[in-house]
């Protein structure tokens, strides 16, 4: 029997994922904030040096999105909002 994952469980897993990568962003003078989790999409905001950094797209796709998907496989994509 497949248990349905609740929205709260998904948000908790996403929060844990972001906490796990926050030290790497902080080291570069940046930070990340969870804005919302809608269906299978996570909305985050990059702060500090991460906001507008030329590498931020790679950071989002390779670092943040992959990490979030490891913690919460039900997430399909992570998007940065302004």
Protein backbone atom coordinates (compact mmCIF):
# COMPACT_ATOMS: atom_id res chain seq x y z
CA UNK A 1 0.00 0.00 0.00
CA UNK A 2 1.49 3.30 -1.11
CA UNK A 3 1.15 6.03 1.52
CA UNK A 4 0.33 9.46 0.12
CA UNK A 5 2.98 12.03 1.05
CA UNK A 6 1.44 15.08 2.69
CA UNK A 7 2.30 18.65 1.75
CA UNK A 8 3.73 19.18 5.25
CA UNK A 9 6.03 16.15 4.88
CA UNK A 10 7.29 17.46 1.55
CA UNK A 11 7.92 20.95 2.97
CA UNK A 12 9.80 19.44 5.92
CA UNK A 13 12.01 17.39 3.59
CA UNK A 14 12.68 20.45 1.41
CA UNK A 15 13.62 22.48 4.51
CA UNK A 16 16.11 19.76 5.55
CA UNK A 17 17.58 19.77 2.03
CA UNK A 18 18.04 23.55 2.09
CA UNK A 19 19.61 23.38 5.56
CA UNK A 20 22.10 20.82 4.25
CA UNK A 21 23.31 23.14 1.47
CA UNK A 22 23.06 26.45 3.33
CA UNK A 23 26.67 26.23 4.73
CA UNK A 24 28.05 26.03 1.16
CA UNK A 25 26.07 29.10 0.11
CA UNK A 26 27.03 30.96 3.31
CA UNK A 27 30.71 30.24 2.60
CA UNK A 28 30.34 32.19 -0.66
CA UNK A 29 28.48 35.03 1.05
CA UNK A 30 25.03 33.87 -0.03
CA UNK A 31 21.94 32.26 1.39
CA UNK A 32 18.70 30.62 0.29
CA UNK A 33 15.13 31.08 1.47
CA UNK A 34 12.19 28.75 0.88
CA UNK A 35 9.32 30.76 -0.60
CA UNK A 36 6.77 28.05 -1.35
CA UNK A 37 6.19 24.45 -2.34
CA UNK A 38 3.48 24.17 -5.01
CA UNK A 39 2.57 20.71 -6.28
CA UNK A 40 5.93 19.27 -7.37
CA UNK A 41 7.77 22.61 -7.65
CA UNK A 42 9.85 24.36 -5.00
CA UNK A 43 10.20 28.15 -5.13
CA UNK A 44 13.28 29.62 -3.47
CA UNK A 45 14.95 33.01 -3.28
CA UNK A 46 18.71 33.42 -3.41
CA UNK A 47 20.22 36.11 -1.17
CA UNK A 48 23.53 37.89 -0.85
CA UNK A 49 26.23 37.01 -3.34
CA UNK A 50 24.09 34.19 -4.77
CA UNK A 51 21.49 36.65 -6.05
CA UNK A 52 22.47 37.61 -9.59
CA UNK A 53 25.70 35.62 -9.55
CA UNK A 54 26.56 34.25 -13.02
CA UNK A 55 26.92 30.80 -11.45
CA UNK A 56 23.54 30.95 -9.71
CA UNK A 57 21.80 29.02 -12.50
CA UNK A 58 24.30 26.17 -12.15
CA UNK A 59 24.06 26.38 -8.37
CA UNK A 60 20.27 26.10 -8.61
CA UNK A 61 20.16 23.23 -11.07
CA UNK A 62 23.17 21.19 -9.98
CA UNK A 63 23.34 21.97 -6.29
CA UNK A 64 19.97 22.99 -4.95
CA UNK A 65 17.65 21.06 -7.26
CA UNK A 66 19.62 17.80 -7.06
CA UNK A 67 19.86 18.02 -3.28
CA UNK A 68 16.16 18.79 -2.88
CA UNK A 69 15.27 15.85 -5.15
CA UNK A 70 17.47 13.55 -3.03
CA UNK A 71 15.59 14.57 0.12
CA UNK A 72 12.16 14.81 -1.54
CA UNK A 73 11.94 12.66 -4.72
CA UNK A 74 8.38 13.90 -5.33
CA UNK A 75 9.81 17.32 -6.27
CA UNK A 76 10.26 17.76 -10.00
CA UNK A 77 11.85 21.20 -10.17
CA UNK A 78 13.30 24.03 -8.12
CA UNK A 79 12.83 27.59 -9.35
CA UNK A 80 14.45 30.78 -8.13
CA UNK A 81 12.12 33.78 -7.76
CA UNK A 82 13.15 37.42 -7.53
